[in-house]
PDB file of N, CA and C in Angstrom:
ATOM      1  N   MET A   1      28.591  39.973-167.499  1.00  0.00           N
ATOM      2  CA  MET A   1      27.953  39.825-166.194  1.00  0.00           C
ATOM      3  C   MET A   1      26.583  39.171-166.385  1.00  0.00           C
ATOM      4  N   PRO A   2      26.351  38.049-165.727  1.00  0.00           N
ATOM      5  CA  PRO A   2      25.037  37.399-165.827  1.00  0.00           C
ATOM      6  C   PRO A   2      23.942  38.266-165.209  1.00  0.00           C
ATOM      7  N   ASP A   3      22.733  38.128-165.751  1.00  0.00           N
ATOM      8  CA  ASP A   3      21.593  38.855-165.197  1.00  0.00           C
ATOM      9  C   ASP A   3      20.462  37.874-164.890  1.00  0.00           C
ATOM     10  N   ALA A   4      19.319  38.409-164.479  1.00  0.00           N
ATOM     11  CA  ALA A   4      18.186  37.561-164.098  1.00  0.00           C
ATOM     12  C   ALA A   4      17.730  36.673-165.250  1.00  0.00           C
ATOM     13  N   ASP A   5      17.771  37.176-166.474  1.00  0.00           N
ATOM     14  CA  ASP A   5      17.380  36.353-167.628  1.00  0.00           C
ATOM     15  C   ASP A   5      18.325  35.162-167.796  1.00  0.00           C
ATOM     16  N   ASP A   6      19.630  35.390-167.550  1.00  0.00           N
ATOM     17  CA  ASP A   6      20.602  34.294-167.632  1.00  0.00           C
ATOM     18  C   ASP A   6      20.339  33.261-166.534  1.00  0.00           C
ATOM     19  N   VAL A   7      20.030  33.735-165.335  1.00  0.00           N
ATOM     20  CA  VAL A   7      19.713  32.815-164.231  1.00  0.00           C
ATOM     21  C   VAL A   7      18.535  31.936-164.629  1.00  0.00           C
ATOM     22  N   ARG A   8      17.496  32.559-165.117  1.00  0.00           N
ATOM     23  CA  ARG A   8      16.280  31.822-165.509  1.00  0.00           C
ATOM     24  C   ARG A   8      16.602  30.803-166.604  1.00  0.00           C
ATOM     25  N   ARG A   9      17.310  31.212-167.640  1.00  0.00           N
ATOM     26  CA  ARG A   9      17.630  30.333-168.760  1.00  0.00           C
ATOM     27  C   ARG A   9      18.495  29.158-168.308  1.00  0.00           C
ATOM     28  N   VAL A  10      19.537  29.428-167.525  1.00  0.00           N
ATOM     29  CA  VAL A  10      20.438  28.369-167.076  1.00  0.00           C
ATOM     30  C   VAL A  10      19.722  27.427-166.104  1.00  0.00           C
ATOM     31  N   ALA A  11      19.000  27.985-165.149  1.00  0.00           N
ATOM     32  CA  ALA A  11      18.293  27.141-164.176  1.00  0.00           C
ATOM     33  C   ALA A  11      17.288  26.230-164.883  1.00  0.00           C
ATOM     34  N   LEU A  12      16.523  26.794-165.804  1.00  0.00           N
ATOM     35  CA  LEU A  12      15.498  26.000-166.483  1.00  0.00           C
ATOM     36  C   LEU A  12      16.088  24.994-167.474  1.00  0.00           C
ATOM     37  N   SER A  13      17.366  25.131-167.804  1.00  0.00           N
ATOM     38  CA  SER A  13      18.018  24.148-168.675  1.00  0.00           C
ATOM     39  C   SER A  13      18.415  22.889-167.910  1.00  0.00           C
ATOM     40  N   LEU A  14      18.397  22.951-166.584  1.00  0.00           N
ATOM     41  CA  LEU A  14      18.736  21.781-165.770  1.00  0.00           C
ATOM     42  C   LEU A  14      17.542  20.833-165.732  1.00  0.00           C
ATOM     43  N   PRO A  15      17.790  19.534-165.752  1.00  0.00           N
ATOM     44  CA  PRO A  15      16.706  18.550-165.846  1.00  0.00           C
ATOM     45  C   PRO A  15      15.634  18.691-164.759  1.00  0.00           C
ATOM     46  N   ASP A  16      14.382  18.529-165.200  1.00  0.00           N
ATOM     47  CA  ASP A  16      13.217  18.494-164.313  1.00  0.00           C
ATOM     48  C   ASP A  16      13.076  19.756-163.463  1.00  0.00           C
ATOM     49  N   THR A  17      13.550  20.888-163.994  1.00  0.00           N
ATOM     50  CA  THR A  17      13.477  22.155-163.262  1.00  0.00           C
ATOM     51  C   THR A  17      12.262  22.952-163.694  1.00  0.00           C
ATOM     52  N   THR A  18      11.588  23.535-162.712  1.00  0.00           N
ATOM     53  CA  THR A  18      10.447  24.411-162.968  1.00  0.00           C
ATOM     54  C   THR A  18      10.664  25.723-162.217  1.00  0.00           C
ATOM     55  N   GLU A  19       9.951  26.736-162.662  1.00  0.00           N
ATOM     56  CA  GLU A  19       9.980  28.039-161.992  1.00  0.00           C
ATOM     57  C   GLU A  19       8.628  28.254-161.327  1.00  0.00           C
ATOM     58  N   LYS A  20       8.657  28.768-160.113  1.00  0.00           N
ATOM     59  CA  LYS A  20       7.433  29.050-159.371  1.00  0.00           C
ATOM     60  C   LYS A  20       7.643  30.321-158.559  1.00  0.00           C
ATOM     61  N   ILE A  21       6.654  31.200-158.568  1.00  0.00           N
ATOM     62  CA  ILE A  21       6.726  32.400-157.744  1.00  0.00           C
ATOM     63  C   ILE A  21       6.357  32.016-156.311  1.00  0.00           C
ATOM     64  N   ALA A  22       7.229  32.372-155.384  1.00  0.00           N
ATOM     65  CA  ALA A  22       6.984  32.162-153.956  1.00  0.00           C
ATOM     66  C   ALA A  22       7.609  33.342-153.216  1.00  0.00           C
ATOM     67  N   TRP A  23       6.938  33.800-152.196  1.00  0.00           N
ATOM     68  CA  TRP A  23       7.398  34.980-151.444  1.00  0.00           C
ATOM     69  C   TRP A  23       7.637  36.162-152.388  1.00  0.00           C
ATOM     70  N   SER A  24       6.805  36.278-153.409  1.00  0.00           N
ATOM     71  CA  SER A  24       6.865  37.364-154.401  1.00  0.00           C
ATOM     72  C   SER A  24       8.161  37.385-155.198  1.00  0.00           C
ATOM     73  N   MET A  25       8.803  36.241-155.369  1.00  0.00           N
ATOM     74  CA  MET A  25      10.027  36.187-156.170  1.00  0.00           C
ATOM     75  C   MET A  25      10.076  34.872-156.937  1.00  0.00           C
ATOM     76  N   PRO A  26      10.822  34.852-158.042  1.00  0.00           N
ATOM     77  CA  PRO A  26      10.996  33.605-158.780  1.00  0.00           C
ATOM     78  C   PRO A  26      11.821  32.608-157.963  1.00  0.00           C
ATOM     79  N   THR A  27      11.364  31.375-157.936  1.00  0.00           N
ATOM     80  CA  THR A  27      12.132  30.287-157.324  1.00  0.00           C
ATOM     81  C   THR A  27      12.253  29.177-158.358  1.00  0.00           C
ATOM     82  N   PHE A  28      13.329  28.423-158.268  1.00  0.00           N
ATOM     83  CA  PHE A  28      13.580  27.335-159.203  1.00  0.00           C
ATOM     84  C   PHE A  28      13.669  26.047-158.414  1.00  0.00           C
ATOM     85  N   ARG A  29      12.961  25.017-158.923  1.00  0.00           N
ATOM     86  CA  ARG A  29      12.823  23.760-158.199  1.00  0.00           C
ATOM     87  C   ARG A  29      13.139  22.584-159.105  1.00  0.00           C
ATOM     88  N   VAL A  30      13.774  21.593-158.518  1.00  0.00           N
ATOM     89  CA  VAL A  30      14.009  20.329-159.216  1.00  0.00           C
ATOM     90  C   VAL A  30      13.148  19.284-158.526  1.00  0.00           C
ATOM     91  N   ALA A  31      12.309  18.628-159.325  1.00  0.00           N
ATOM     92  CA  ALA A  31      11.383  17.622-158.785  1.00  0.00           C
ATOM     93  C   ALA A  31      10.611  18.197-157.594  1.00  0.00           C
ATOM     94  N   GLY A  32      10.276  19.482-157.668  1.00  0.00           N
ATOM     95  CA  GLY A  32       9.485  20.139-156.633  1.00  0.00           C
ATOM     96  C   GLY A  32      10.274  20.693-155.466  1.00  0.00           C
ATOM     97  N   LYS A  33      11.574  20.471-155.412  1.00  0.00           N
ATOM     98  CA  LYS A  33      12.402  20.914-154.286  1.00  0.00           C
ATOM     99  C   LYS A  33      13.221  22.138-154.700  1.00  0.00           C
ATOM    100  N   MET A  34      13.090  23.220-153.943  1.00  0.00           N
ATOM    101  CA  MET A  34      13.727  24.487-154.298  1.00  0.00           C
ATOM    102  C   MET A  34      15.252  24.393-154.223  1.00  0.00           C
ATOM    103  N   PHE A  35      15.906  24.940-155.276  1.00  0.00           N
ATOM    104  CA  PHE A  35      17.372  24.979-155.269  1.00  0.00           C
ATOM    105  C   PHE A  35      17.927  26.371-155.569  1.00  0.00           C
ATOM    106  N   ALA A  36      17.096  27.314-155.993  1.00  0.00           N
ATOM    107  CA  ALA A  36      17.584  28.667-156.252  1.00  0.00           C
ATOM    108  C   ALA A  36      16.428  29.652-156.225  1.00  0.00           C
ATOM    109  N   THR A  37      16.743  30.888-155.840  1.00  0.00           N
ATOM    110  CA  THR A  37      15.763  31.973-155.890  1.00  0.00           C
ATOM    111  C   THR A  37      16.441  33.217-156.474  1.00  0.00           C
ATOM    112  N   LEU A  38      15.601  34.101-156.991  1.00  0.00           N
ATOM    113  CA  LEU A  38      16.048  35.417-157.462  1.00  0.00           C
ATOM    114  C   LEU A  38      15.407  36.452-156.540  1.00  0.00           C
ATOM    115  N   PRO A  39      16.019  36.733-155.398  1.00  0.00           N
ATOM    116  CA  PRO A  39      15.392  37.615-154.414  1.00  0.00           C
ATOM    117  C   PRO A  39      15.389  39.098-154.816  1.00  0.00           C
ATOM    118  N   GLU A  40      14.516  39.823-154.098  1.00  0.00           N
ATOM    119  CA  GLU A  40      14.421  41.278-154.169  1.00  0.00           C
ATOM    120  C   GLU A  40      14.511  41.837-155.580  1.00  0.00           C
ATOM    121  N   ASP A  41      15.550  42.581-155.858  1.00  0.00           N
ATOM    122  CA  ASP A  41      15.646  43.284-157.147  1.00  0.00           C
ATOM    123  C   ASP A  41      16.339  42.459-158.228  1.00  0.00           C
ATOM    124  N   GLU A  42      16.486  41.163-158.004  1.00  0.00           N
ATOM    125  CA  GLU A  42      17.054  40.238-158.979  1.00  0.00           C
ATOM    126  C   GLU A  42      18.499  40.553-159.367  1.00  0.00           C
ATOM    127  N   THR A  43      19.263  41.109-158.418  1.00  0.00           N
ATOM    128  CA  THR A  43      20.683  41.362-158.660  1.00  0.00           C
ATOM    129  C   THR A  43      21.555  40.298-158.001  1.00  0.00           C
ATOM    130  N   SER A  44      20.911  39.336-157.341  1.00  0.00           N
ATOM    131  CA  SER A  44      21.637  38.241-156.695  1.00  0.00           C
ATOM    132  C   SER A  44      20.813  36.969-156.830  1.00  0.00           C
ATOM    133  N   ILE A  45      21.441  35.855-156.479  1.00  0.00           N
ATOM    134  CA  ILE A  45      20.719  34.586-156.395  1.00  0.00           C
ATOM    135  C   ILE A  45      20.976  34.014-155.006  1.00  0.00           C
ATOM    136  N   ALA A  46      20.019  33.246-154.532  1.00  0.00           N
ATOM    137  CA  ALA A  46      20.208  32.462-153.320  1.00  0.00           C
ATOM    138  C   ALA A  46      20.210  31.004-153.746  1.00  0.00           C
ATOM    139  N   VAL A  47      21.204  30.253-153.273  1.00  0.00           N
ATOM    140  CA  VAL A  47      21.355  28.852-153.662  1.00  0.00           C
ATOM    141  C   VAL A  47      21.696  28.003-152.441  1.00  0.00           C
ATOM    142  N   ARG A  48      21.440  26.718-152.573  1.00  0.00           N
ATOM    143  CA  ARG A  48      21.797  25.771-151.506  1.00  0.00           C
ATOM    144  C   ARG A  48      23.311  25.683-151.394  1.00  0.00           C
ATOM    145  N   CYS A  49      23.787  25.587-150.170  1.00  0.00           N
ATOM    146  CA  CYS A  49      25.219  25.442-149.934  1.00  0.00           C
ATOM    147  C   CYS A  49      25.406  24.898-148.527  1.00  0.00           C
ATOM    148  N   PRO A  50      26.094  23.768-148.373  1.00  0.00           N
ATOM    149  CA  PRO A  50      26.331  23.248-147.024  1.00  0.00           C
ATOM    150  C   PRO A  50      26.949  24.324-146.139  1.00  0.00           C
ATOM    151  N   LYS A  51      26.487  24.402-144.896  1.00  0.00           N
ATOM    152  CA  LYS A  51      26.925  25.487-144.009  1.00  0.00           C
ATOM    153  C   LYS A  51      28.439  25.576-143.880  1.00  0.00           C
ATOM    154  N   GLU A  52      29.134  24.440-143.783  1.00  0.00           N
ATOM    155  CA  GLU A  52      30.591  24.491-143.618  1.00  0.00           C
ATOM    156  C   GLU A  52      31.264  25.071-144.855  1.00  0.00           C
ATOM    157  N   GLU A  53      30.753  24.780-146.044  1.00  0.00           N
ATOM    158  CA  GLU A  53      31.302  25.349-147.276  1.00  0.00           C
ATOM    159  C   GLU A  53      30.899  26.809-147.433  1.00  0.00           C
ATOM    160  N   ARG A  54      29.686  27.120-147.016  1.00  0.00           N
ATOM    161  CA  ARG A  54      29.154  28.477-147.140  1.00  0.00           C
ATOM    162  C   ARG A  54      30.038  29.471-146.398  1.00  0.00           C
ATOM    163  N   ASP A  55      30.416  29.142-145.187  1.00  0.00           N
ATOM    164  CA  ASP A  55      31.236  30.057-144.395  1.00  0.00           C
ATOM    165  C   ASP A  55      32.591  30.293-145.060  1.00  0.00           C
ATOM    166  N   GLU A  56      33.170  29.228-145.614  1.00  0.00           N
ATOM    167  CA  GLU A  56      34.446  29.364-146.326  1.00  0.00           C
ATOM    168  C   GLU A  56      34.296  30.248-147.565  1.00  0.00           C
ATOM    169  N   LEU A  57      33.208  30.059-148.312  1.00  0.00           N
ATOM    170  CA  LEU A  57      32.962  30.886-149.500  1.00  0.00           C
ATOM    171  C   LEU A  57      32.876  32.366-149.146  1.00  0.00           C
ATOM    172  N   VAL A  58      32.104  32.665-148.131  1.00  0.00           N
ATOM    173  CA  VAL A  58      31.900  34.058-147.727  1.00  0.00           C
ATOM    174  C   VAL A  58      33.212  34.684-147.259  1.00  0.00           C
ATOM    175  N   MET A  59      33.996  33.928-146.502  1.00  0.00           N
ATOM    176  CA  MET A  59      35.282  34.464-146.030  1.00  0.00           C
ATOM    177  C   MET A  59      36.262  34.646-147.185  1.00  0.00           C
ATOM    178  N   ALA A  60      36.244  33.730-148.147  1.00  0.00           N
ATOM    179  CA  ALA A  60      37.186  33.788-149.272  1.00  0.00           C
ATOM    180  C   ALA A  60      36.819  34.879-150.275  1.00  0.00           C
ATOM    181  N   GLU A  61      35.512  35.069-150.503  1.00  0.00           N
ATOM    182  CA  GLU A  61      35.066  36.036-151.511  1.00  0.00           C
ATOM    183  C   GLU A  61      33.876  36.850-151.001  1.00  0.00           C
ATOM    184  N   PRO A  62      34.101  37.717-150.010  1.00  0.00           N
ATOM    185  CA  PRO A  62      32.987  38.473-149.417  1.00  0.00           C
ATOM    186  C   PRO A  62      32.324  39.452-150.391  1.00  0.00           C
ATOM    187  N   GLY A  63      33.011  39.836-151.449  1.00  0.00           N
ATOM    188  CA  GLY A  63      32.403  40.708-152.442  1.00  0.00           C
ATOM    189  C   GLY A  63      31.439  39.968-153.359  1.00  0.00           C
ATOM    190  N   LYS A  64      31.540  38.648-153.359  1.00  0.00           N
ATOM    191  CA  LYS A  64      30.707  37.830-154.233  1.00  0.00           C
ATOM    192  C   LYS A  64      29.609  37.106-153.458  1.00  0.00           C
ATOM    193  N   PHE A  65      29.948  36.558-152.291  1.00  0.00           N
ATOM    194  CA  PHE A  65      29.005  35.747-151.520  1.00  0.00           C
ATOM    195  C   PHE A  65      28.704  36.370-150.170  1.00  0.00           C
ATOM    196  N   TRP A  66      27.485  36.183-149.695  1.00  0.00           N
ATOM    197  CA  TRP A  66      27.116  36.594-148.349  1.00  0.00           C
ATOM    198  C   TRP A  66      25.927  35.779-147.873  1.00  0.00           C
ATOM    199  N   ILE A  67      25.685  35.874-146.574  1.00  0.00           N
ATOM    200  CA  ILE A  67      24.580  35.136-145.962  1.00  0.00           C
ATOM    201  C   ILE A  67      23.538  36.152-145.509  1.00  0.00           C
ATOM    202  N   ALA A  68      22.331  36.024-146.035  1.00  0.00           N
ATOM    203  CA  ALA A  68      21.236  36.904-145.607  1.00  0.00           C
ATOM    204  C   ALA A  68      20.846  36.519-144.176  1.00  0.00           C
ATOM    205  N   ASP A  69      20.555  37.522-143.366  1.00  0.00           N
ATOM    206  CA  ASP A  69      20.235  37.272-141.956  1.00  0.00           C
ATOM    207  C   ASP A  69      19.156  36.216-141.783  1.00  0.00           C
ATOM    208  N   HIS A  70      18.073  36.322-142.554  1.00  0.00           N
ATOM    209  CA  HIS A  70      16.957  35.392-142.377  1.00  0.00           C
ATOM    210  C   HIS A  70      17.253  33.987-142.920  1.00  0.00           C
ATOM    211  N   GLU A  71      18.395  33.807-143.573  1.00  0.00           N
ATOM    212  CA  GLU A  71      18.788  32.493-144.087  1.00  0.00           C
ATOM    213  C   GLU A  71      19.951  31.889-143.306  1.00  0.00           C
ATOM    214  N   ALA A  72      20.415  32.572-142.266  1.00  0.00           N
ATOM    215  CA  ALA A  72      21.613  32.141-141.540  1.00  0.00           C
ATOM    216  C   ALA A  72      21.488  30.736-140.965  1.00  0.00           C
ATOM    217  N   GLN A  73      20.296  30.349-140.534  1.00  0.00           N
ATOM    218  CA  GLN A  73      20.134  29.016-139.934  1.00  0.00           C
ATOM    219  C   GLN A  73      19.939  27.926-140.983  1.00  0.00           C
ATOM    220  N   PHE A  74      19.830  28.307-142.251  1.00  0.00           N
ATOM    221  CA  PHE A  74      19.617  27.343-143.324  1.00  0.00           C
ATOM    222  C   PHE A  74      20.885  27.200-144.170  1.00  0.00           C
ATOM    223  N   ALA A  75      20.972  26.138-144.928  1.00  0.00           N
ATOM    224  CA  ALA A  75      22.143  25.884-145.774  1.00  0.00           C
ATOM    225  C   ALA A  75      21.978  26.572-147.124  1.00  0.00           C
ATOM    226  N   TRP A  76      21.937  27.907-147.096  1.00  0.00           N
ATOM    227  CA  TRP A  76      21.795  28.729-148.296  1.00  0.00           C
ATOM    228  C   TRP A  76      22.830  29.843-148.250  1.00  0.00           C
ATOM    229  N   VAL A  77      23.243  30.284-149.435  1.00  0.00           N
ATOM    230  CA  VAL A  77      24.158  31.407-149.560  1.00  0.00           C
ATOM    231  C   VAL A  77      23.670  32.289-150.705  1.00  0.00           C
ATOM    232  N   ARG A  78      23.989  33.563-150.645  1.00  0.00           N
ATOM    233  CA  ARG A  78      23.662  34.494-151.734  1.00  0.00           C
ATOM    234  C   ARG A  78      24.907  34.771-152.558  1.00  0.00           C
ATOM    235  N   ALA A  79      24.699  34.991-153.858  1.00  0.00           N
ATOM    236  CA  ALA A  79      25.790  35.371-154.763  1.00  0.00           C
ATOM    237  C   ALA A  79      25.349  36.591-155.565  1.00  0.00           C
ATOM    238  N   ARG A  80      26.199  37.619-155.574  1.00  0.00           N
ATOM    239  CA  ARG A  80      25.919  38.827-156.359  1.00  0.00           C
ATOM    240  C   ARG A  80      26.183  38.536-157.830  1.00  0.00           C
ATOM    241  N   LEU A  81      25.175  38.726-158.668  1.00  0.00           N
ATOM    242  CA  LEU A  81      25.333  38.444-160.099  1.00  0.00           C
ATOM    243  C   LEU A  81      26.442  39.287-160.717  1.00  0.00           C
ATOM    244  N   ALA A  82      26.559  40.551-160.325  1.00  0.00           N
ATOM    245  CA  ALA A  82      27.567  41.444-160.901  1.00  0.00           C
ATOM    246  C   ALA A  82      28.984  40.987-160.573  1.00  0.00           C
ATOM    247  N   ALA A  83      29.159  40.197-159.521  1.00  0.00           N
ATOM    248  CA  ALA A  83      30.486  39.746-159.117  1.00  0.00           C
ATOM    249  C   ALA A  83      30.892  38.428-159.773  1.00  0.00           C
ATOM    250  N   LEU A  84      29.945  37.760-160.422  1.00  0.00           N
ATOM    251  CA  LEU A  84      30.274  36.484-161.061  1.00  0.00           C
ATOM    252  C   LEU A  84      31.142  36.718-162.290  1.00  0.00           C
ATOM    253  N   GLU A  85      32.010  35.753-162.561  1.00  0.00           N
ATOM    254  CA  GLU A  85      32.959  35.904-163.659  1.00  0.00           C
ATOM    255  C   GLU A  85      32.350  35.649-165.030  1.00  0.00           C
ATOM    256  N   GLY A  86      31.106  35.183-165.067  1.00  0.00           N
ATOM    257  CA  GLY A  86      30.451  34.941-166.343  1.00  0.00           C
ATOM    258  C   GLY A  86      29.443  33.825-166.225  1.00  0.00           C
ATOM    259  N   GLU A  87      28.911  33.438-167.369  1.00  0.00           N
ATOM    260  CA  GLU A  87      27.860  32.428-167.388  1.00  0.00           C
ATOM    261  C   GLU A  87      28.349  31.056-166.927  1.00  0.00           C
ATOM    262  N   GLU A  88      29.598  30.739-167.187  1.00  0.00           N
ATOM    263  CA  GLU A  88      30.119  29.436-166.755  1.00  0.00           C
ATOM    264  C   GLU A  88      30.105  29.326-165.225  1.00  0.00           C
ATOM    265  N   GLU A  89      30.505  30.383-164.547  1.00  0.00           N
ATOM    266  CA  GLU A  89      30.463  30.356-163.076  1.00  0.00           C
ATOM    267  C   GLU A  89      29.019  30.282-162.584  1.00  0.00           C
ATOM    268  N   LEU A  90      28.120  31.019-163.224  1.00  0.00           N
ATOM    269  CA  LEU A  90      26.707  30.958-162.877  1.00  0.00           C
ATOM    270  C   LEU A  90      26.193  29.529-163.039  1.00  0.00           C
ATOM    271  N   ARG A  91      26.517  28.890-164.149  1.00  0.00           N
ATOM    272  CA  ARG A  91      26.071  27.511-164.401  1.00  0.00           C
ATOM    273  C   ARG A  91      26.634  26.573-163.334  1.00  0.00           C
ATOM    274  N   ASP A  92      27.905  26.729-162.970  1.00  0.00           N
ATOM    275  CA  ASP A  92      28.509  25.878-161.944  1.00  0.00           C
ATOM    276  C   ASP A  92      27.787  26.027-160.602  1.00  0.00           C
ATOM    277  N   ILE A  93      27.479  27.259-160.234  1.00  0.00           N
ATOM    278  CA  ILE A  93      26.799  27.524-158.958  1.00  0.00           C
ATOM    279  C   ILE A  93      25.402  26.922-158.976  1.00  0.00           C
ATOM    280  N   LEU A  94      24.663  27.153-160.049  1.00  0.00           N
ATOM    281  CA  LEU A  94      23.297  26.620-160.129  1.00  0.00           C
ATOM    282  C   LEU A  94      23.297  25.088-160.198  1.00  0.00           C
ATOM    283  N   ALA A  95      24.227  24.510-160.954  1.00  0.00           N
ATOM    284  CA  ALA A  95      24.289  23.050-161.054  1.00  0.00           C
ATOM    285  C   ALA A  95      24.647  22.426-159.709  1.00  0.00           C
ATOM    286  N   ASP A  96      25.532  23.063-158.962  1.00  0.00           N
ATOM    287  CA  ASP A  96      25.888  22.547-157.643  1.00  0.00           C
ATOM    288  C   ASP A  96      24.673  22.557-156.715  1.00  0.00           C
ATOM    289  N   SER A  97      23.920  23.626-156.751  1.00  0.00           N
ATOM    290  CA  SER A  97      22.717  23.717-155.923  1.00  0.00           C
ATOM    291  C   SER A  97      21.672  22.705-156.387  1.00  0.00           C
ATOM    292  N   TRP A  98      21.534  22.550-157.702  1.00  0.00           N
ATOM    293  CA  TRP A  98      20.602  21.565-158.274  1.00  0.00           C
ATOM    294  C   TRP A  98      20.935  20.170-157.759  1.00  0.00           C
ATOM    295  N   ARG A  99      22.235  19.816-157.772  1.00  0.00           N
ATOM    296  CA  ARG A  99      22.663  18.486-157.295  1.00  0.00           C
ATOM    297  C   ARG A  99      22.248  18.251-155.849  1.00  0.00           C
ATOM    298  N   GLN A 100      22.297  19.292-155.031  1.00  0.00           N
ATOM    299  CA  GLN A 100      21.951  19.144-153.616  1.00  0.00           C
ATOM    300  C   GLN A 100      20.461  18.902-153.408  1.00  0.00           C
ATOM    301  N   ALA A 101      19.642  19.349-154.345  1.00  0.00           N
ATOM    302  CA  ALA A 101      18.191  19.211-154.210  1.00  0.00           C
ATOM    303  C   ALA A 101      17.621  18.054-155.034  1.00  0.00           C
ATOM    304  N   ALA A 102      18.332  17.636-156.067  1.00  0.00           N
ATOM    305  CA  ALA A 102      17.809  16.621-156.990  1.00  0.00           C
ATOM    306  C   ALA A 102      17.695  15.250-156.317  1.00  0.00           C
ATOM    307  N   PRO A 103      16.640  14.522-156.655  1.00  0.00           N
ATOM    308  CA  PRO A 103      16.509  13.158-156.125  1.00  0.00           C
ATOM    309  C   PRO A 103      17.529  12.225-156.789  1.00  0.00           C
ATOM    310  N   PRO A 104      17.844  11.113-156.132  1.00  0.00           N
ATOM    311  CA  PRO A 104      18.831  10.169-156.677  1.00  0.00           C
ATOM    312  C   PRO A 104      18.532   9.728-158.111  1.00  0.00           C
ATOM    313  N   ARG A 105      17.261   9.567-158.471  1.00  0.00           N
ATOM    314  CA  ARG A 105      16.939   9.113-159.826  1.00  0.00           C
ATOM    315  C   ARG A 105      17.445  10.099-160.882  1.00  0.00           C
ATOM    316  N   LEU A 106      17.412  11.399-160.583  1.00  0.00           N
ATOM    317  CA  LEU A 106      17.922  12.384-161.544  1.00  0.00           C
ATOM    318  C   LEU A 106      19.439  12.414-161.542  1.00  0.00           C
ATOM    319  N   LEU A 107      20.048  12.281-160.377  1.00  0.00           N
ATOM    320  CA  LEU A 107      21.506  12.241-160.327  1.00  0.00           C
ATOM    321  C   LEU A 107      22.029  11.038-161.112  1.00  0.00           C
ATOM    322  N   GLU A 108      21.311   9.916-161.038  1.00  0.00           N
ATOM    323  CA  GLU A 108      21.705   8.720-161.793  1.00  0.00           C
ATOM    324  C   GLU A 108      21.439   8.896-163.288  1.00  0.00           C
ATOM    325  N   ALA A 109      20.338   9.562-163.645  1.00  0.00           N
ATOM    326  CA  ALA A 109      19.977   9.748-165.052  1.00  0.00           C
ATOM    327  C   ALA A 109      20.885  10.754-165.757  1.00  0.00           C
ATOM    328  N   TYR A 110      21.472  11.685-164.984  1.00  0.00           N
ATOM    329  CA  TYR A 110      22.323  12.740-165.550  1.00  0.00           C
ATOM    330  C   TYR A 110      23.668  12.708-164.842  1.00  0.00           C
ATOM    331  N   PRO A 111      24.473  11.675-165.093  1.00  0.00           N
ATOM    332  CA  PRO A 111      25.743  11.546-164.364  1.00  0.00           C
ATOM    333  C   PRO A 111      26.674  12.747-164.569  1.00  0.00           C
ATOM    334  N   GLU A 112      26.563  13.417-165.701  1.00  0.00           N
ATOM    335  CA  GLU A 112      27.405  14.593-165.930  1.00  0.00           C
ATOM    336  C   GLU A 112      27.055  15.731-164.965  1.00  0.00           C
ATOM    337  N   LEU A 113      25.860  15.708-164.414  1.00  0.00           N
ATOM    338  CA  LEU A 113      25.468  16.702-163.407  1.00  0.00           C
ATOM    339  C   LEU A 113      25.571  16.150-161.996  1.00  0.00           C
ATOM    340  N   GLY A 114      25.761  14.848-161.869  1.00  0.00           N
ATOM    341  CA  GLY A 114      25.703  14.195-160.574  1.00  0.00           C
ATOM    342  C   GLY A 114      26.949  14.316-159.735  1.00  0.00           C
ATOM    343  N   LEU A 115      28.051  14.750-160.313  1.00  0.00           N
ATOM    344  CA  LEU A 115      29.285  14.867-159.563  1.00  0.00           C
ATOM    345  C   LEU A 115      29.741  16.318-159.539  1.00  0.00           C
ATOM    346  N   PRO A 116      30.241  16.789-158.398  1.00  0.00           N
ATOM    347  CA  PRO A 116      30.772  18.161-158.361  1.00  0.00           C
ATOM    348  C   PRO A 116      31.817  18.339-159.452  1.00  0.00           C
ATOM    349  N   GLY A 117      31.750  19.486-160.082  1.00  0.00           N
ATOM    350  CA  GLY A 117      32.670  19.780-161.173  1.00  0.00           C
ATOM    351  C   GLY A 117      32.130  19.381-162.522  1.00  0.00           C
ATOM    352  N   GLY A 118      31.032  18.631-162.570  1.00  0.00           N
ATOM    353  CA  GLY A 118      30.414  18.275-163.855  1.00  0.00           C
ATOM    354  C   GLY A 118      29.670  19.469-164.424  1.00  0.00           C
ATOM    355  N   SER A 119      29.473  19.497-165.718  1.00  0.00           N
ATOM    356  CA  SER A 119      28.707  20.599-166.307  1.00  0.00           C
ATOM    357  C   SER A 119      27.892  20.130-167.480  1.00  0.00           C
TER     358      SER A 119
END
């Protein structure tokens, strides 16, 4: 089961990623744009997710994904770390969110991260 240390290590391994405390929690940014947070007690992550995909994720795996009330109007979803199948799934989720926030120059520089399903 991935934990907060795994989130930090995997997120910071993605190109041009930095960690910054905001709203009293760790946030991870690519080129200054936030793509993940470790909210509250660090047992979940919040990541970017298009609203149409987010709703499908939550309906398909409600034990793993949910939408926080204060994030409902934004394209973000939460994932319970304890429900993830391992570090590979964590990396896939973080890389997908990174792709949504990364500028085109980084997507072009890291083609292996630039397409969904890349790792």
